[in-house]
Amino acid sequence: MPDKKPPSNAPAKPDAGGGERPIAREKTLKSKLYMEPIILGRELLTLDAIRDVVYRGRQIEVHADALVDVERAAQFVGEQAKAGRVIYGVTTGFGANSNTLIAPADMTKLQEKLLLSHACGVGDPFPEEVVRAMICMRINGLLTMHSGARATTVLALASMLNARVHPIIPSQGSVGASGDLCPLAHMGLPLLGLGEVLVDGLRLEGAKGLEICGLAPITLTYKEGIALLNGTQAQTALAFCATHRLRRLADMADAVCAMSLEALCGRGNAFDARLHALRRRAGQMESAAAIRRWTEGSELVDRDPDLMPYKRDRIQDPYSIRCAPQVHGACRDVLAHVEDVVLQESNAVTDNPILFPDAGDIISGGNFHGEPVAMAIDYLKLAIAELANISDRRCFKLLSPELSEGLPAFLVDKPGLDSGLMIAQYVTASLVSDNKVLAHPASVDSIPTSGNKEDHVAMGAQAGVQAFRMLDNSERVIAIELIIAAQALDLRMRLDNARPGFRIAALHKAVREISPFIHQDRRMSFEIEAVASDLVRRDGKPPGWEL
């Protein structure tokens, strides 16, 4: 079989993540006809609402009452600055320069210089879905009486988001406190007609992006620069997008585990609902139920061992099969926890200083510190790693003749002449090993910055970038197991003249449409990437689930 061309939506470079393809402008415009805009500033933002904005191009609007509150805060901080009140980042310099007072004539210039000086990120840009999540969350955080940005500035951000004018934001540069300064500075530059944006795949100057939105460059006043960039939205957006990808990965991990169970004629009693109810863990019960559903109608699971003289595991299967609900379920529980952290942070005020106009107070605090999000992403990284770890072990069992319950070595008819899928498991081993290094918690590291004024930082964005690379790795591991399990299932059906469950049969068919049966050795790289792109990363449940 000739090599396949790489899929058009193959993942980007590892640091940029392997998220979904950008939504075409025509599709976005069509979506407006079917979805009412999400109103920000009226009630708490939900994860479903963020998903609609980020992945489905849903429009946003800002509630009129929220804009009134925004203006009150902007007017309050302006009045206080004019009255000579010392306000960090408004009438003083930033960080280690906080003891330097700024002349009234320079206060506007100060806010612009803040964005310019902090926009020094490097590396691959964030994927567009991360940028969309950042903008949506930042707008939501500004829609209070506590930040000091003007309504016109907030509405300009909303116009950019709705028009799909996405600032180009380098992925390296944040230490997670005072917030994600560097990435958010790049997010704000186009408002001034500076920086760069991505529009329909074209890289344009920031001023051109504003023109597409029908806007002119704005001039920042008083606290607006620091309000734009002093927050946790980069790391929170990374966490949000990582949880979105991990939920799809967990669903496919259950599905491919079920296919491997079928191919090994494994024992179904390990997935009995009564067993899992006794441990009372939601994720475990969900994964066990999913595997039961996938194998419904199977002639292979719980097949009589007496019909299989080659059967090795007659009583109970290895942990990679038998304990899959416990491992996959633990990952689901981690996912639920991190989603809760993301939800709270998406509705938080995380800049500094924070305004309380009704009380006349301006408080310098530390709500920008990303530790809650950084630690959550590090926790998420463990779940990403473990789904791949246990998948690799199932791949190894399916390929090893002494472990695979009668299947040929490396799942090929002529082992020796053909290596079959031997080296595919080398790839899973390599990817799993990379994950183990990346799983080291970023949040335990702290390098003092800004003349030791900022002497403890969170490194949450670093954790997020690592999580994206780990997701790329783990999605490929699950894709390889899909190919190996599909090959093993074909050989099992031929050997035992029995059929899998009807849902697994549908999933098997979907794999075979991308990666045909391996009769003899061929190059597999493009097929692995295609299965990862078209099946593992697809939106919604895996093929066959809804049957």
Protein backbone atom coordinates (compact mmCIF):
# COMPACT_ATOMS: atom_id res chain seq x y z
CA MET A 1 0.00 0.00 0.00
CA PRO A 2 1.46 3.42 -0.88
CA ASP A 3 2.14 5.94 1.86
CA LYS A 4 -0.73 8.22 2.71
CA LYS A 5 -0.28 11.96 2.67
CA PRO A 6 -0.29 13.64 6.08
CA PRO A 7 -3.77 14.73 7.17
CA SER A 8 -4.46 18.39 6.56
CA ASN A 9 -5.25 18.84 10.24
CA ALA A 10 -2.25 17.01 11.63
CA PRO A 11 -1.11 18.52 14.94
CA ALA A 12 1.07 21.58 14.98
CA LYS A 13 4.50 21.70 16.58
CA PRO A 14 4.41 20.17 20.08
CA ASP A 15 4.64 23.45 21.97
CA ALA A 16 1.71 24.80 20.00
CA GLY A 17 -0.47 21.83 20.84
CA GLY A 18 -2.61 19.63 18.65
CA GLY A 19 -5.96 21.28 19.10
CA GLU A 20 -8.85 21.55 16.73
CA ARG A 21 -8.58 23.23 13.37
CA PRO A 22 -9.50 26.91 13.20
CA ILE A 23 -13.14 27.49 12.34
CA ALA A 24 -13.63 28.85 8.84
CA ARG A 25 -15.15 32.32 8.69
CA GLU A 26 -18.05 31.05 6.54
CA LYS A 27 -18.87 28.41 9.14
CA THR A 28 -18.69 31.01 11.89
CA LEU A 29 -21.04 33.35 10.05
CA LYS A 30 -23.46 30.49 9.44
CA SER A 31 -23.36 29.59 13.12
CA LYS A 32 -24.67 33.05 14.00
CA LEU A 33 -27.99 32.09 12.41
CA TYR A 34 -28.46 29.20 14.82
CA MET A 35 -26.92 30.35 18.10
CA GLU A 36 -27.92 33.31 20.18
CA PRO A 37 -24.90 35.25 21.44
CA ILE A 38 -23.60 34.57 24.92
CA ILE A 39 -24.20 37.55 27.18
CA LEU A 40 -21.20 38.27 29.39
CA GLY A 41 -21.48 40.27 32.59
CA ARG A 42 -24.99 39.11 33.49
CA GLU A 43 -24.25 35.81 35.20
CA LEU A 44 -21.32 33.51 35.83
CA LEU A 45 -19.58 32.12 32.78
CA THR A 46 -20.01 28.35 32.28
CA LEU A 47 -17.60 25.86 30.74
CA ASP A 48 -20.18 25.06 28.06
CA ALA A 49 -20.39 28.73 27.14
CA ILE A 50 -16.60 28.97 26.85
CA ARG A 51 -16.59 25.83 24.65
CA ASP A 52 -19.16 27.42 22.35
CA VAL A 53 -17.08 30.57 22.01
CA VAL A 54 -13.76 28.80 21.62
CA TYR A 55 -14.64 25.85 19.40
CA ARG A 56 -17.91 26.77 17.70
CA GLY A 57 -17.37 30.44 17.00
CA ARG A 58 -20.34 31.56 19.07
CA GLN A 59 -20.60 35.33 19.34
CA ILE A 60 -20.53 37.26 22.60
CA GLU A 61 -22.30 40.39 23.76
CA VAL A 62 -21.69 42.45 26.89
CA HIS A 63 -24.61 43.17 29.18
CA ALA A 64 -25.44 46.87 29.44
CA ASP A 65 -25.50 46.83 33.25
CA ALA A 66 -21.97 45.41 33.30
CA LEU A 67 -20.77 48.24 31.08
CA VAL A 68 -22.19 50.75 33.57
CA ASP A 69 -20.18 49.09 36.34
CA VAL A 70 -17.07 49.09 34.15
CA GLU A 71 -17.38 52.82 33.55
CA ARG A 72 -17.92 53.55 37.23
CA ALA A 73 -14.66 51.78 38.09
CA ALA A 74 -12.76 53.53 35.28
CA GLN A 75 -14.10 56.92 36.40
CA PHE A 76 -13.22 56.15 40.03
CA VAL A 77 -9.58 55.25 39.34
CA GLY A 78 -9.20 58.27 37.06
CA GLU A 79 -10.50 60.62 39.72
CA GLN A 80 -8.23 59.11 42.35
CA ALA A 81 -5.17 59.43 40.12
CA LYS A 82 -5.95 63.05 39.31
CA ALA A 83 -6.37 63.75 43.02
CA GLY A 84 -2.79 62.61 43.61
CA ARG A 85 -3.51 59.27 45.28
CA VAL A 86 -0.60 56.83 45.07
CA ILE A 87 -1.88 53.83 43.13
CA TYR A 88 0.39 51.00 42.09
CA GLY A 89 0.77 50.77 38.32
CA VAL A 90 -1.24 53.94 37.78
CA THR A 91 0.75 56.67 39.48
CA THR A 92 3.81 54.48 40.12
CA GLY A 93 6.07 52.23 38.09
CA PHE A 94 5.72 48.46 38.00
CA GLY A 95 7.34 45.61 39.90
CA ALA A 96 10.66 46.69 41.36
CA ASN A 97 9.91 50.22 40.04
CA SER A 98 6.83 50.55 42.24
CA ASN A 99 8.51 53.17 44.43
CA THR A 100 8.93 55.51 41.46
CA LEU A 101 6.15 58.07 41.12
CA ILE A 102 4.88 58.91 37.63
CA ALA A 103 4.16 62.49 36.56
CA PRO A 104 0.48 63.14 35.72
CA ALA A 105 1.41 64.00 32.13
CA ASP A 106 2.97 60.54 31.70
CA MET A 107 0.23 58.39 33.16
CA THR A 108 -1.37 57.54 29.82
CA LYS A 109 2.01 56.92 28.23
CA LEU A 110 2.83 54.61 31.15
CA GLN A 111 0.01 52.21 30.27
CA GLU A 112 1.10 51.95 26.63
CA LYS A 113 4.73 51.44 27.63
CA LEU A 114 3.62 48.66 29.95
CA LEU A 115 2.20 46.64 27.06
CA LEU A 116 5.18 47.37 24.82
CA SER A 117 7.81 46.44 27.39
CA HIS A 118 6.04 43.26 28.49
CA ALA A 119 5.38 41.97 24.95
CA CYS A 120 8.66 40.09 24.66
CA GLY A 121 7.44 36.50 24.39
CA VAL A 122 9.23 33.91 22.28
CA GLY A 123 8.53 30.49 20.81
CA ASP A 124 5.69 29.02 18.81
CA PRO A 125 2.43 30.96 19.12
CA PHE A 126 -0.45 29.62 21.15
CA PRO A 127 -3.10 27.78 19.11
CA GLU A 128 -6.07 29.91 18.17
CA GLU A 129 -8.38 28.07 20.58
CA VAL A 130 -6.14 29.10 23.49
CA VAL A 131 -6.16 32.72 22.29
CA ARG A 132 -9.96 32.71 22.00
CA ALA A 133 -10.29 31.31 25.52
CA MET A 134 -7.85 33.95 26.84
CA ILE A 135 -9.81 36.83 25.32
CA CYS A 136 -13.18 35.48 26.47
CA MET A 137 -11.94 34.98 30.04
CA ARG A 138 -10.18 38.35 30.16
CA ILE A 139 -13.32 40.16 29.03
CA ASN A 140 -15.31 38.34 31.68
CA GLY A 141 -12.81 39.31 34.38
CA LEU A 142 -12.88 42.97 33.36
CA LEU A 143 -16.69 43.18 33.52
CA THR A 144 -16.81 44.15 37.17
CA MET A 145 -16.36 47.31 39.17
CA HIS A 146 -12.94 46.09 40.26
CA SER A 147 -10.54 46.45 37.30
CA GLY A 148 -10.72 49.96 35.86
CA ALA A 149 -10.75 49.33 32.10
CA ARG A 150 -13.17 51.50 30.13
CA ALA A 151 -16.21 50.08 28.35
CA THR A 152 -14.74 51.02 24.96
CA THR A 153 -11.66 48.90 25.64
CA VAL A 154 -13.71 45.89 26.75
CA LEU A 155 -15.97 46.21 23.70
CA ALA A 156 -12.94 46.42 21.40
CA LEU A 157 -11.73 43.07 22.76
CA ALA A 158 -15.20 41.63 22.20
CA SER A 159 -15.20 42.88 18.60
CA MET A 160 -11.86 41.20 17.95
CA LEU A 161 -13.14 37.92 19.37
CA ASN A 162 -16.37 38.01 17.36
CA ALA A 163 -14.53 38.89 14.15
CA ARG A 164 -12.02 36.07 14.75
CA VAL A 165 -9.12 38.52 14.76
CA HIS A 166 -6.71 36.62 16.98
CA PRO A 167 -3.58 38.22 18.44
CA ILE A 168 -0.43 36.20 17.85
CA ILE A 169 0.77 35.28 21.32
CA PRO A 170 4.12 33.51 21.80
CA SER A 171 3.89 30.51 24.11
CA GLN A 172 7.01 31.22 26.19
CA GLY A 173 7.43 34.17 28.53
CA SER A 174 5.06 33.85 31.47
CA VAL A 175 6.14 32.84 34.97
CA GLY A 176 2.56 32.86 36.23
CA ALA A 177 2.83 35.84 38.61
CA SER A 178 2.11 38.74 38.48
CA GLY A 179 -0.28 36.86 36.32
CA ASP A 180 0.53 36.00 32.72
CA LEU A 181 2.06 39.38 31.98
CA CYS A 182 3.91 38.59 28.78
CA PRO A 183 1.16 36.65 26.93
CA LEU A 184 -1.53 39.13 27.96
CA ALA A 185 0.63 42.02 26.75
CA HIS A 186 0.73 40.38 23.31
CA MET A 187 -3.05 39.94 23.52
CA GLY A 188 -3.54 43.66 24.21
CA LEU A 189 -1.11 45.14 21.68
CA PRO A 190 -3.50 44.95 18.69
CA LEU A 191 -5.89 47.24 20.54
CA LEU A 192 -3.23 49.92 20.08
CA GLY A 193 -2.76 49.04 16.42
CA LEU A 194 0.46 47.23 17.31
CA GLY A 195 1.58 43.63 17.44
CA GLU A 196 0.33 40.98 15.04
CA VAL A 197 -2.90 39.07 14.50
CA LEU A 198 -4.03 35.96 12.67
CA VAL A 199 -7.12 36.26 10.47
CA ASP A 200 -8.26 33.29 8.37
CA GLY A 201 -4.75 31.90 8.55
CA LEU A 202 -3.12 35.15 7.41
CA ARG A 203 -0.60 36.91 9.63
CA LEU A 204 -1.35 40.65 9.67
CA GLU A 205 -0.25 43.77 11.50
CA GLY A 206 -2.37 44.66 14.52
CA ALA A 207 -3.69 47.84 12.89
CA LYS A 208 -5.02 45.82 9.98
CA GLY A 209 -6.76 43.50 12.39
CA LEU A 210 -8.51 46.46 14.02
CA GLU A 211 -9.55 47.69 10.60
CA ILE A 212 -11.23 44.34 9.93
CA CYS A 213 -13.19 44.84 13.15
CA GLY A 214 -14.16 48.34 12.06
CA LEU A 215 -12.12 49.86 14.86
CA ALA A 216 -9.38 52.44 15.16
CA PRO A 217 -6.43 52.06 17.57
CA ILE A 218 -7.32 53.13 21.09
CA THR A 219 -5.34 55.14 23.64
CA LEU A 220 -5.12 53.54 27.05
CA THR A 221 -5.84 55.59 30.15
CA TYR A 222 -4.88 55.25 33.80
CA LYS A 223 -5.18 51.59 34.88
CA GLU A 224 -6.09 50.02 31.51
CA GLY A 225 -2.70 48.63 30.60
CA ILE A 226 -2.20 46.86 33.88
CA ALA A 227 -5.84 45.72 33.88
CA LEU A 228 -5.32 44.03 30.50
CA LEU A 229 -2.22 42.08 31.38
CA ASN A 230 -2.32 41.45 35.13
CA GLY A 231 -4.32 38.21 35.29
CA THR A 232 -4.16 34.42 34.97
CA GLN A 233 -5.98 34.05 31.67
CA ALA A 234 -3.15 32.46 29.66
CA GLN A 235 -2.62 29.57 32.06
CA THR A 236 -6.37 29.25 32.65
CA ALA A 237 -7.03 29.14 28.91
CA LEU A 238 -4.35 26.47 28.52
CA ALA A 239 -5.96 24.50 31.33
CA PHE A 240 -9.41 24.85 29.77
CA CYS A 241 -8.29 23.68 26.34
CA ALA A 242 -6.27 20.84 27.88
CA THR A 243 -9.32 19.58 29.78
CA HIS A 244 -11.36 19.71 26.58
CA ARG A 245 -8.81 17.52 24.82
CA LEU A 246 -8.37 15.19 27.78
CA ARG A 247 -12.10 14.49 28.02
CA ARG A 248 -12.09 13.29 24.40
CA LEU A 249 -8.94 11.29 25.09
CA ALA A 250 -10.51 9.60 28.12
CA ASP A 251 -13.54 8.59 26.06
CA MET A 252 -11.34 7.07 23.37
CA ALA A 253 -9.14 5.38 25.98
CA ASP A 254 -12.19 3.53 27.30
CA ALA A 255 -13.19 2.60 23.75
CA VAL A 256 -9.80 1.28 22.69
CA CYS A 257 -9.43 -0.61 25.98
CA ALA A 258 -12.70 -2.34 25.14
CA MET A 259 -11.37 -3.22 21.67
CA SER A 260 -8.20 -4.65 23.21
CA LEU A 261 -10.34 -6.60 25.70
CA GLU A 262 -12.25 -8.08 22.75
CA ALA A 263 -9.06 -8.93 20.86
CA LEU A 264 -7.70 -10.79 23.92
CA CYS A 265 -10.99 -12.57 24.73
CA GLY A 266 -10.70 -11.06 28.17
CA ARG A 267 -12.84 -11.47 31.27
CA GLY A 268 -15.82 -9.15 31.53
CA ASN A 269 -16.46 -9.65 35.24
CA ALA A 270 -13.82 -7.03 36.11
CA PHE A 271 -16.24 -4.41 34.75
CA ASP A 272 -19.31 -5.54 36.74
CA ALA A 273 -21.25 -2.50 37.96
CA ARG A 274 -21.62 -3.98 41.46
CA LEU A 275 -17.87 -4.17 41.88
CA HIS A 276 -17.30 -0.54 40.99
CA ALA A 277 -20.24 0.76 43.00
CA LEU A 278 -18.52 -0.52 46.15
CA ARG A 279 -15.62 1.90 45.66
CA ARG A 280 -17.95 4.85 45.09
CA ARG A 281 -15.64 6.69 42.69
CA ALA A 282 -17.50 8.52 39.94
CA GLY A 283 -14.79 8.32 37.30
CA GLN A 284 -14.20 4.62 37.88
CA MET A 285 -17.90 3.83 37.57
CA GLU A 286 -18.12 5.92 34.40
CA SER A 287 -15.21 4.13 32.71
CA ALA A 288 -16.46 0.67 33.72
CA ALA A 289 -19.92 1.50 32.37
CA ALA A 290 -18.39 2.76 29.12
CA ILE A 291 -16.38 -0.46 28.61
CA ARG A 292 -19.51 -2.55 29.32
CA ARG A 293 -21.43 -0.53 26.76
CA TRP A 294 -18.69 -0.87 24.14
CA THR A 295 -18.56 -4.67 24.50
CA GLU A 296 -22.32 -5.23 24.50
CA GLY A 297 -23.23 -8.15 22.24
CA SER A 298 -19.68 -9.52 22.13
CA GLU A 299 -18.96 -13.17 21.33
CA LEU A 300 -15.32 -12.71 22.34
CA VAL A 301 -15.45 -11.25 25.85
CA ASP A 302 -15.89 -14.11 28.35
CA ARG A 303 -15.47 -16.69 25.61
CA ASP A 304 -15.21 -20.21 27.03
CA PRO A 305 -11.49 -20.86 27.69
CA ASP A 306 -12.01 -24.51 26.82
CA LEU A 307 -12.62 -23.41 23.23
CA MET A 308 -9.22 -21.71 23.26
CA PRO A 309 -6.42 -24.18 24.08
CA TYR A 310 -3.92 -21.35 23.75
CA LYS A 311 -5.70 -19.24 26.41
CA ARG A 312 -3.24 -18.06 29.05
CA ASP A 313 -5.26 -15.78 31.31
CA ARG A 314 -8.18 -18.01 32.22
CA ILE A 315 -9.17 -16.51 35.56
CA GLN A 316 -8.21 -12.84 35.46
CA ASP A 317 -6.53 -10.49 33.03
CA PRO A 318 -3.44 -8.32 33.64
CA TYR A 319 -3.86 -4.98 35.32
CA SER A 320 -3.72 -3.01 32.06
CA ILE A 321 -7.07 -4.63 31.18
CA ARG A 322 -8.59 -5.60 34.53
CA CYS A 323 -7.75 -2.34 36.33
CA ALA A 324 -8.49 -0.01 33.41
CA PRO A 325 -11.64 1.43 35.07
CA GLN A 326 -9.66 2.21 38.20
CA VAL A 327 -6.87 3.93 36.24
CA HIS A 328 -9.00 5.60 33.57
CA GLY A 329 -11.52 6.54 36.26
CA ALA A 330 -8.87 8.19 38.43
CA CYS A 331 -7.91 10.27 35.38
CA ARG A 332 -11.56 11.26 34.94
CA ASP A 333 -11.71 12.34 38.59
CA VAL A 334 -8.62 14.50 38.10
CA LEU A 335 -10.26 15.99 35.01
CA ALA A 336 -13.41 16.88 36.97
CA HIS A 337 -11.34 18.61 39.66
CA VAL A 338 -9.34 20.65 37.16
CA GLU A 339 -12.50 21.67 35.31
CA ASP A 340 -13.82 23.02 38.62
CA VAL A 341 -10.62 25.03 39.12
CA VAL A 342 -10.90 26.40 35.58
CA LEU A 343 -14.54 27.35 36.12
CA GLN A 344 -13.75 29.27 39.30
CA GLU A 345 -10.77 31.04 37.75
CA SER A 346 -12.76 31.97 34.63
CA ASN A 347 -15.12 33.96 36.84
CA ALA A 348 -12.48 35.49 39.10
CA VAL A 349 -11.02 38.98 39.30
CA THR A 350 -7.28 38.36 39.04
CA ASP A 351 -5.63 41.71 38.33
CA ASN A 352 -3.92 44.16 40.68
CA PRO A 353 -4.58 46.54 42.29
CA ILE A 354 -8.26 45.78 42.78
CA LEU A 355 -10.79 48.61 42.99
CA PHE A 356 -13.72 48.90 45.38
CA PRO A 357 -15.35 52.16 44.22
CA ASP A 358 -18.33 51.99 46.59
CA ALA A 359 -15.98 51.88 49.59
CA GLY A 360 -13.40 54.19 48.03
CA ASP A 361 -10.72 51.51 48.45
CA ILE A 362 -7.91 50.43 46.16
CA ILE A 363 -6.14 47.30 47.41
CA SER A 364 -2.85 45.87 46.22
CA GLY A 365 -3.06 42.11 46.66
CA GLY A 366 -2.06 38.89 44.96
CA ASN A 367 -5.09 37.55 43.11
CA PHE A 368 -2.92 37.40 40.00
CA HIS A 369 -0.79 34.60 41.47
CA GLY A 370 -1.37 31.51 39.35
CA GLU A 371 -0.63 28.85 41.96
CA PRO A 372 -4.18 27.38 42.05
CA VAL A 373 -4.18 26.95 38.28
CA ALA A 374 -0.55 25.86 38.03
CA MET A 375 -1.02 23.10 40.59
CA ALA A 376 -4.22 21.99 38.87
CA ILE A 377 -2.48 21.73 35.48
CA ASP A 378 0.35 19.75 37.05
CA TYR A 379 -2.29 17.39 38.46
CA LEU A 380 -3.87 17.15 35.01
CA LYS A 381 -0.49 16.19 33.54
CA LEU A 382 -0.47 13.06 35.71
CA ALA A 383 -3.80 11.99 34.22
CA ILE A 384 -2.57 12.65 30.68
CA ALA A 385 0.53 10.54 31.36
CA GLU A 386 -1.35 7.64 32.96
CA LEU A 387 -3.81 7.15 30.10
CA ALA A 388 -0.82 6.71 27.81
CA ASN A 389 1.14 4.55 30.28
CA ILE A 390 -1.58 1.92 30.59
CA SER A 391 -2.31 2.04 26.85
CA ASP A 392 1.32 1.25 26.08
CA ARG A 393 1.09 -1.84 28.31
CA ARG A 394 -1.97 -3.09 26.41
CA CYS A 395 -0.10 -2.55 23.14
CA PHE A 396 2.81 -4.63 24.44
CA LYS A 397 0.51 -7.49 25.48
CA LEU A 398 -1.28 -7.59 22.13
CA LEU A 399 2.02 -7.76 20.23
CA SER A 400 3.79 -10.38 22.37
CA PRO A 401 3.00 -14.02 21.40
CA GLU A 402 3.59 -15.24 24.95
CA LEU A 403 0.97 -12.76 26.22
CA SER A 404 -1.53 -12.28 23.37
CA GLU A 405 -3.66 -15.40 23.83
CA GLY A 406 -2.72 -17.18 20.60
CA LEU A 407 -2.22 -14.22 18.26
CA PRO A 408 0.84 -14.24 15.96
CA ALA A 409 3.95 -12.33 16.97
CA PHE A 410 3.60 -8.61 16.29
CA LEU A 411 0.23 -9.28 14.64
CA VAL A 412 1.51 -10.25 11.21
CA ASP A 413 1.16 -13.53 9.30
CA LYS A 414 4.87 -13.95 8.60
CA PRO A 415 6.79 -12.74 11.65
CA GLY A 416 10.47 -12.61 10.92
CA LEU A 417 10.08 -11.68 7.29
CA ASP A 418 7.66 -8.95 8.43
CA SER A 419 8.08 -6.97 11.64
CA GLY A 420 4.42 -6.05 11.71
CA LEU A 421 3.58 -3.56 14.44
CA MET A 422 6.69 -4.23 16.53
CA ILE A 423 8.13 -0.76 16.11
CA ALA A 424 4.79 0.95 16.69
CA GLN A 425 5.16 -0.10 20.33
CA TYR A 426 8.67 1.38 20.35
CA VAL A 427 6.96 4.64 19.44
CA THR A 428 4.47 4.35 22.32
CA ALA A 429 7.39 3.64 24.66
CA SER A 430 9.18 6.75 23.38
CA LEU A 431 6.11 8.95 23.78
CA VAL A 432 5.33 7.60 27.25
CA SER A 433 8.93 8.21 28.29
CA ASP A 434 8.72 11.81 27.06
CA ASN A 435 5.55 12.25 29.11
CA LYS A 436 7.30 11.07 32.25
CA VAL A 437 9.82 13.90 31.94
CA LEU A 438 7.14 16.49 31.14
CA ALA A 439 4.98 15.33 34.06
CA HIS A 440 7.44 16.83 36.54
CA PRO A 441 5.43 19.58 38.25
CA ALA A 442 6.22 23.03 36.94
CA SER A 443 4.61 24.64 39.99
CA VAL A 444 7.32 23.45 42.37
CA ASP A 445 9.81 25.63 40.53
CA SER A 446 10.11 29.32 41.29
CA ILE A 447 12.65 31.79 39.98
CA PRO A 448 12.51 35.26 41.58
CA THR A 449 11.90 38.14 39.17
CA SER A 450 11.71 41.94 39.16
CA GLY A 451 14.51 42.69 41.59
CA ASN A 452 13.18 40.05 44.02
CA LYS A 453 9.96 42.01 44.47
CA GLU A 454 8.21 39.05 42.83
CA ASP A 455 10.10 36.41 44.79
CA HIS A 456 7.74 33.46 44.29
CA VAL A 457 6.04 32.62 41.01
CA ALA A 458 3.74 29.83 39.85
CA MET A 459 4.94 28.72 36.37
CA GLY A 460 1.37 27.85 35.39
CA ALA A 461 1.78 28.70 31.71
CA GLN A 462 4.85 26.44 31.61
CA ALA A 463 2.70 23.65 33.02
CA GLY A 464 0.09 24.35 30.34
CA VAL A 465 2.59 24.22 27.49
CA GLN A 466 3.91 20.94 28.89
CA ALA A 467 0.36 19.57 29.14
CA PHE A 468 -0.26 20.35 25.47
CA ARG A 469 2.86 18.49 24.42
CA MET A 470 1.86 15.57 26.64
CA LEU A 471 -1.59 15.54 25.05
CA ASP A 472 0.03 15.36 21.60
CA ASN A 473 2.02 12.37 22.84
CA SER A 474 -0.87 10.60 24.54
CA GLU A 475 -3.25 11.12 21.61
CA ARG A 476 -0.69 9.39 19.40
CA VAL A 477 -0.29 6.54 21.88
CA ILE A 478 -4.05 5.94 21.89
CA ALA A 479 -4.05 6.15 18.08
CA ILE A 480 -1.36 3.45 17.94
CA GLU A 481 -3.36 1.24 20.29
CA LEU A 482 -6.38 1.69 18.01
CA ILE A 483 -4.33 0.44 15.05
CA ILE A 484 -2.83 -2.45 17.03
CA ALA A 485 -6.15 -3.45 18.58
CA ALA A 486 -7.91 -3.32 15.19
CA GLN A 487 -5.25 -5.61 13.69
CA ALA A 488 -5.47 -7.96 16.66
CA LEU A 489 -9.26 -8.03 16.42
CA ASP A 490 -9.13 -8.99 12.73
CA LEU A 491 -6.75 -11.84 13.54
CA ARG A 492 -8.85 -12.91 16.54
CA MET A 493 -12.03 -13.11 14.47
CA ARG A 494 -10.19 -15.22 11.93
CA LEU A 495 -8.75 -17.47 14.65
CA ASP A 496 -11.87 -17.94 16.77
CA ASN A 497 -14.66 -17.37 14.25
CA ALA A 498 -16.45 -15.06 16.68
CA ARG A 499 -17.59 -11.46 16.50
CA PRO A 500 -17.04 -8.42 18.73
CA GLY A 501 -19.78 -6.23 20.14
CA PHE A 502 -21.61 -4.17 17.55
CA ARG A 503 -20.27 -0.86 18.87
CA ILE A 504 -16.69 -2.13 18.77
CA ALA A 505 -17.37 -3.38 15.25
CA ALA A 506 -18.36 0.17 14.25
CA LEU A 507 -15.23 1.63 15.85
CA HIS A 508 -13.13 -1.04 14.15
CA LYS A 509 -14.64 -0.07 10.81
CA ALA A 510 -13.77 3.60 11.42
CA VAL A 511 -10.15 2.64 12.09
CA ARG A 512 -10.01 0.49 8.98
CA GLU A 513 -11.26 3.35 6.81
CA ILE A 514 -8.04 5.16 7.72
CA SER A 515 -5.62 2.30 8.37
CA PRO A 516 -6.34 -0.94 6.41
CA PHE A 517 -5.38 -4.42 7.54
CA ILE A 518 -1.61 -4.99 7.50
CA HIS A 519 -0.82 -7.90 5.21
CA GLN A 520 2.86 -7.04 5.01
CA ASP A 521 5.16 -4.32 6.26
CA ARG A 522 4.49 -0.75 5.20
CA ARG A 523 5.29 2.69 6.50
CA MET A 524 2.84 3.59 9.28
CA SER A 525 3.70 7.18 10.28
CA PHE A 526 1.03 8.91 8.22
CA GLU A 527 -1.65 6.43 9.30
CA ILE A 528 -0.83 6.95 12.97
CA GLU A 529 -1.12 10.72 12.54
CA ALA A 530 -4.36 10.33 10.58
CA VAL A 531 -5.96 8.10 13.23
CA ALA A 532 -4.87 10.57 15.93
CA SER A 533 -6.24 13.52 13.95
CA ASP A 534 -9.47 12.05 12.59
CA LEU A 535 -10.52 9.72 15.42
CA VAL A 536 -8.78 10.52 18.70
CA ARG A 537 -9.06 14.30 18.34
CA ARG A 538 -12.50 14.31 16.75
CA ASP A 539 -15.20 16.28 18.53
CA GLY A 540 -17.83 14.27 20.32
CA LYS A 541 -17.92 10.60 21.30
CA PRO A 542 -15.93 7.95 19.37
CA PRO A 543 -17.56 6.33 16.31
CA GLY A 544 -20.01 3.61 17.34
CA TRP A 545 -20.83 4.98 20.78
CA GLU A 546 -24.29 6.23 19.82
CA LEU A 547 -25.46 2.90 18.36
